[in-house]
Amino acid sequence: MADAIALSAAEIAAATGGRVVSGRPDRRTERWSIDTRSMAAGDLFVAVRGDRFDGHEFVAAALAAGAAGAVVTETPALPEAGTAGPAPLLIQVADTTRALQDARARSAPPIGREGRRDHRQRGQDDDEGAHRGVPVGEATRCFGTGAT
């Protein structure tokens, strides 16, 4: 699973209450993934824990496959910068599942004047039937609120 985030490491750390422990805080990441099997090079790997798995076991594999970095609760043992290239991006958080939710909420498109309808416009649409896919003229006839 991969999804868009478009945030820098510092922004992700701020949104999740975490900290950048390795790598460049200004590095931007466009996508995140929780599964190394579907991850693309450049994705940020989030080491989520489940009942039968621990994503932390796959951090090294994710980085070797080209992940931009990883969000972890515990910092894994990795080569130092210079011995195998630059230090990998690692963001340490208290809870990776919660961090994933927080980062996703932070990167969600704004609501209101930026292109989505605000609550006042939605109320008008509800009255006109537009939210049901009914043309405005048809809405008045269908719902008996006007003469036609």
C-alpha atoms as a PDB file:
ATOM      1  CA  MET A   1       0.000   0.000   0.000  1.00  0.00           C
ATOM      2  CA  ALA A   2       1.406   3.394  -0.966  1.00  0.00           C
ATOM      3  CA  ASP A   3      -0.191   6.782  -0.671  1.00  0.00           C
ATOM      4  CA  ALA A   4       0.786  10.407  -1.281  1.00  0.00           C
ATOM      5  CA  ILE A   5       2.208  12.520   1.540  1.00  0.00           C
ATOM      6  CA  ALA A   6       4.397  15.251  -0.058  1.00  0.00           C
ATOM      7  CA  LEU A   7       6.058  16.407   3.183  1.00  0.00           C
ATOM      8  CA  SER A   8       9.637  16.951   4.303  1.00  0.00           C
ATOM      9  CA  ALA A   9      11.146  14.761   7.008  1.00  0.00           C
ATOM     10  CA  ALA A  10      11.001  17.722   9.412  1.00  0.00           C
ATOM     11  CA  GLU A  11       7.297  18.268   8.629  1.00  0.00           C
ATOM     12  CA  ILE A  12       6.570  14.575   9.167  1.00  0.00           C
ATOM     13  CA  ALA A  13       8.453  14.644  12.477  1.00  0.00           C
ATOM     14  CA  ALA A  14       6.530  17.750  13.589  1.00  0.00           C
ATOM     15  CA  ALA A  15       3.156  16.278  12.556  1.00  0.00           C
ATOM     16  CA  THR A  16       3.833  12.993  14.338  1.00  0.00           C
ATOM     17  CA  GLY A  17       5.588  14.206  17.468  1.00  0.00           C
ATOM     18  CA  GLY A  18       8.706  12.381  16.321  1.00  0.00           C
ATOM     19  CA  ARG A  19      12.255  13.410  15.533  1.00  0.00           C
ATOM     20  CA  VAL A  20      14.629  12.984  12.631  1.00  0.00           C
ATOM     21  CA  VAL A  21      17.434  10.799  14.008  1.00  0.00           C
ATOM     22  CA  SER A  22      19.302  10.243  10.754  1.00  0.00           C
ATOM     23  CA  GLY A  23      19.385  11.811   7.311  1.00  0.00           C
ATOM     24  CA  ARG A  24      18.400  15.261   6.075  1.00  0.00           C
ATOM     25  CA  PRO A  25      15.368  16.920   7.718  1.00  0.00           C
ATOM     26  CA  ASP A  26      14.679  18.914   4.531  1.00  0.00           C
ATOM     27  CA  ARG A  27      14.341  15.787   2.385  1.00  0.00           C
ATOM     28  CA  ARG A  28      10.872  15.691   0.826  1.00  0.00           C
ATOM     29  CA  THR A  29       9.024  12.445   0.377  1.00  0.00           C
ATOM     30  CA  GLU A  30       6.139  12.116  -2.038  1.00  0.00           C
ATOM     31  CA  ARG A  31       4.770   8.700  -1.006  1.00  0.00           C
ATOM     32  CA  TRP A  32       4.780   6.326   1.934  1.00  0.00           C
ATOM     33  CA  SER A  33       4.397   2.560   2.133  1.00  0.00           C
ATOM     34  CA  ILE A  34       3.850  -0.037   4.843  1.00  0.00           C
ATOM     35  CA  ASP A  35       4.634  -3.045   2.632  1.00  0.00           C
ATOM     36  CA  THR A  36       8.066  -3.671   1.106  1.00  0.00           C
ATOM     37  CA  ARG A  37       6.465  -5.917  -1.533  1.00  0.00           C
ATOM     38  CA  SER A  38       4.536  -3.035  -3.100  1.00  0.00           C
ATOM     39  CA  MET A  39       6.937  -0.227  -2.209  1.00  0.00           C
ATOM     40  CA  ALA A  40       8.561   1.819  -4.962  1.00  0.00           C
ATOM     41  CA  ALA A  41      12.011   3.366  -4.838  1.00  0.00           C
ATOM     42  CA  GLY A  42      11.769   6.738  -3.103  1.00  0.00           C
ATOM     43  CA  ASP A  43       8.818   5.801  -0.870  1.00  0.00           C
ATOM     44  CA  LEU A  44       9.047   6.400   2.870  1.00  0.00           C
ATOM     45  CA  PHE A  45       8.685   3.042   4.632  1.00  0.00           C
ATOM     46  CA  VAL A  46       6.559   3.065   7.808  1.00  0.00           C
ATOM     47  CA  ALA A  47       7.430   0.154  10.106  1.00  0.00           C
ATOM     48  CA  VAL A  48       3.949  -0.694  11.388  1.00  0.00           C
ATOM     49  CA  ARG A  49       3.491  -3.390  14.023  1.00  0.00           C
ATOM     50  CA  GLY A  50       0.647  -5.873  13.788  1.00  0.00           C
ATOM     51  CA  ASP A  51      -0.511  -8.938  15.641  1.00  0.00           C
ATOM     52  CA  ARG A  52       1.511 -11.293  13.423  1.00  0.00           C
ATOM     53  CA  PHE A  53       4.249  -9.035  12.037  1.00  0.00           C
ATOM     54  CA  ASP A  54       6.617  -6.203  12.893  1.00  0.00           C
ATOM     55  CA  GLY A  55       7.571  -3.807  10.132  1.00  0.00           C
ATOM     56  CA  HIS A  56      10.827  -3.088  11.951  1.00  0.00           C
ATOM     57  CA  GLU A  57      12.059  -6.472  10.717  1.00  0.00           C
ATOM     58  CA  PHE A  58      11.849  -5.115   7.148  1.00  0.00           C
ATOM     59  CA  VAL A  59      13.491  -1.686   7.540  1.00  0.00           C
ATOM     60  CA  ALA A  60      16.888  -2.810   6.218  1.00  0.00           C
ATOM     61  CA  ALA A  61      15.216  -4.550   3.256  1.00  0.00           C
ATOM     62  CA  ALA A  62      13.144  -1.443   2.507  1.00  0.00           C
ATOM     63  CA  LEU A  63      16.228   0.784   2.515  1.00  0.00           C
ATOM     64  CA  ALA A  64      18.133  -1.713   0.362  1.00  0.00           C
ATOM     65  CA  ALA A  65      15.212  -1.666  -2.115  1.00  0.00           C
ATOM     66  CA  GLY A  66      15.497   2.104  -2.463  1.00  0.00           C
ATOM     67  CA  ALA A  67      13.174   3.497   0.211  1.00  0.00           C
ATOM     68  CA  ALA A  68      13.782   7.192   0.896  1.00  0.00           C
ATOM     69  CA  GLY A  69      13.844   6.355   4.594  1.00  0.00           C
ATOM     70  CA  ALA A  70      11.790   4.843   7.369  1.00  0.00           C
ATOM     71  CA  VAL A  71       9.500   5.829  10.216  1.00  0.00           C
ATOM     72  CA  VAL A  72      10.319   3.666  13.228  1.00  0.00           C
ATOM     73  CA  THR A  73       9.757   3.387  16.960  1.00  0.00           C
ATOM     74  CA  GLU A  74      13.248   2.053  17.545  1.00  0.00           C
ATOM     75  CA  THR A  75      16.322   2.978  15.543  1.00  0.00           C
ATOM     76  CA  PRO A  76      17.724  -0.069  13.747  1.00  0.00           C
ATOM     77  CA  ALA A  77      21.446  -0.777  13.467  1.00  0.00           C
ATOM     78  CA  LEU A  78      22.457   0.624  10.081  1.00  0.00           C
ATOM     79  CA  PRO A  79      25.783   1.470   8.440  1.00  0.00           C
ATOM     80  CA  GLU A  80      27.135   4.922   9.266  1.00  0.00           C
ATOM     81  CA  ALA A  81      27.202   7.680   6.670  1.00  0.00           C
ATOM     82  CA  GLY A  82      30.125   7.372   4.299  1.00  0.00           C
ATOM     83  CA  THR A  83      30.582   3.597   4.575  1.00  0.00           C
ATOM     84  CA  ALA A  84      27.589   2.774   2.369  1.00  0.00           C
ATOM     85  CA  GLY A  85      26.584   6.219   1.106  1.00  0.00           C
ATOM     86  CA  PRO A  86      24.747   8.976   2.967  1.00  0.00           C
ATOM     87  CA  ALA A  87      22.979   8.211   6.232  1.00  0.00           C
ATOM     88  CA  PRO A  88      19.461   6.904   5.602  1.00  0.00           C
ATOM     89  CA  LEU A  89      16.507   9.034   6.622  1.00  0.00           C
ATOM     90  CA  LEU A  90      15.035   7.746   9.876  1.00  0.00           C
ATOM     91  CA  ILE A  91      12.190   9.380  11.769  1.00  0.00           C
ATOM     92  CA  GLN A  92      11.651   8.005  15.251  1.00  0.00           C
ATOM     93  CA  VAL A  93       8.133   8.181  16.716  1.00  0.00           C
ATOM     94  CA  ALA A  94       6.320   6.714  19.717  1.00  0.00           C
ATOM     95  CA  ASP A  95       3.759   4.794  17.612  1.00  0.00           C
ATOM     96  CA  THR A  96       4.176   4.188  13.878  1.00  0.00           C
ATOM     97  CA  THR A  97       0.482   3.511  13.255  1.00  0.00           C
ATOM     98  CA  ARG A  98      -0.477   6.790  14.903  1.00  0.00           C
ATOM     99  CA  ALA A  99       2.340   8.572  13.043  1.00  0.00           C
ATOM    100  CA  LEU A 100       0.978   7.265   9.762  1.00  0.00           C
ATOM    101  CA  GLN A 101      -2.458   8.653  10.609  1.00  0.00           C
ATOM    102  CA  ASP A 102      -1.028  12.009  11.720  1.00  0.00           C
ATOM    103  CA  ALA A 103       1.159  12.402   8.620  1.00  0.00           C
ATOM    104  CA  ARG A 104      -1.753  11.514   6.376  1.00  0.00           C
ATOM    105  CA  ALA A 105      -3.989  14.070   8.101  1.00  0.00           C
ATOM    106  CA  ARG A 106      -1.263  16.703   7.779  1.00  0.00           C
ATOM    107  CA  SER A 107      -0.844  16.063   4.056  1.00  0.00           C
ATOM    108  CA  ALA A 108      -4.591  15.960   3.286  1.00  0.00           C
ATOM    109  CA  PRO A 109      -5.761  18.641   0.868  1.00  0.00           C
ATOM    110  CA  PRO A 110      -7.190  21.737   2.510  1.00  0.00           C
ATOM    111  CA  ILE A 111     -10.947  22.147   2.756  1.00  0.00           C
ATOM    112  CA  GLY A 112     -12.812  25.325   1.875  1.00  0.00           C
ATOM    113  CA  ARG A 113     -11.490  28.024  -0.420  1.00  0.00           C
ATOM    114  CA  GLU A 114      -8.813  25.809  -1.914  1.00  0.00           C
ATOM    115  CA  GLY A 115     -11.198  23.967  -4.169  1.00  0.00           C
ATOM    116  CA  ARG A 116     -13.485  21.911  -1.985  1.00  0.00           C
ATOM    117  CA  ARG A 117     -16.876  23.103  -0.953  1.00  0.00           C
ATOM    118  CA  ASP A 118     -17.221  24.486   2.535  1.00  0.00           C
ATOM    119  CA  HIS A 119     -20.120  23.631   4.855  1.00  0.00           C
ATOM    120  CA  ARG A 120     -22.267  26.562   3.692  1.00  0.00           C
ATOM    121  CA  GLN A 121     -22.064  25.452   0.068  1.00  0.00           C
ATOM    122  CA  ARG A 122     -22.764  21.819   0.996  1.00  0.00           C
ATOM    123  CA  GLY A 123     -25.933  22.939   2.777  1.00  0.00           C
ATOM    124  CA  GLN A 124     -27.100  24.708  -0.368  1.00  0.00           C
ATOM    125  CA  ASP A 125     -26.330  21.640  -2.441  1.00  0.00           C
ATOM    126  CA  ASP A 126     -28.334  19.472  -0.051  1.00  0.00           C
ATOM    127  CA  ASP A 127     -31.321  21.778  -0.449  1.00  0.00           C
ATOM    128  CA  GLU A 128     -30.992  21.682  -4.230  1.00  0.00           C
ATOM    129  CA  GLY A 129     -30.468  17.932  -4.499  1.00  0.00           C
ATOM    130  CA  ALA A 130     -27.121  18.342  -6.273  1.00  0.00           C
ATOM    131  CA  HIS A 131     -25.429  15.915  -3.889  1.00  0.00           C
ATOM    132  CA  ARG A 132     -27.723  13.209  -5.217  1.00  0.00           C
ATOM    133  CA  GLY A 133     -26.721  13.837  -8.820  1.00  0.00           C
ATOM    134  CA  VAL A 134     -30.099  15.421  -9.564  1.00  0.00           C
ATOM    135  CA  PRO A 135     -30.020  18.589 -11.667  1.00  0.00           C
ATOM    136  CA  VAL A 136     -31.207  21.633  -9.723  1.00  0.00           C
ATOM    137  CA  GLY A 137     -34.356  22.099 -11.818  1.00  0.00           C
ATOM    138  CA  GLU A 138     -35.241  18.444 -11.354  1.00  0.00           C
ATOM    139  CA  ALA A 139     -34.630  18.654  -7.609  1.00  0.00           C
ATOM    140  CA  THR A 140     -37.469  21.096  -7.063  1.00  0.00           C
ATOM    141  CA  ARG A 141     -39.876  18.956  -9.083  1.00  0.00           C
ATOM    142  CA  CYS A 142     -38.762  15.687  -7.431  1.00  0.00           C
ATOM    143  CA  PHE A 143     -38.940  16.949  -3.886  1.00  0.00           C
ATOM    144  CA  GLY A 144     -42.098  18.996  -4.297  1.00  0.00           C
ATOM    145  CA  THR A 145     -40.489  22.262  -3.257  1.00  0.00           C
ATOM    146  CA  GLY A 146     -41.323  24.215  -6.360  1.00  0.00           C
ATOM    147  CA  ALA A 147     -43.777  24.462  -9.185  1.00  0.00           C
ATOM    148  CA  THR A 148     -42.932  22.790 -12.463  1.00  0.00           C
END
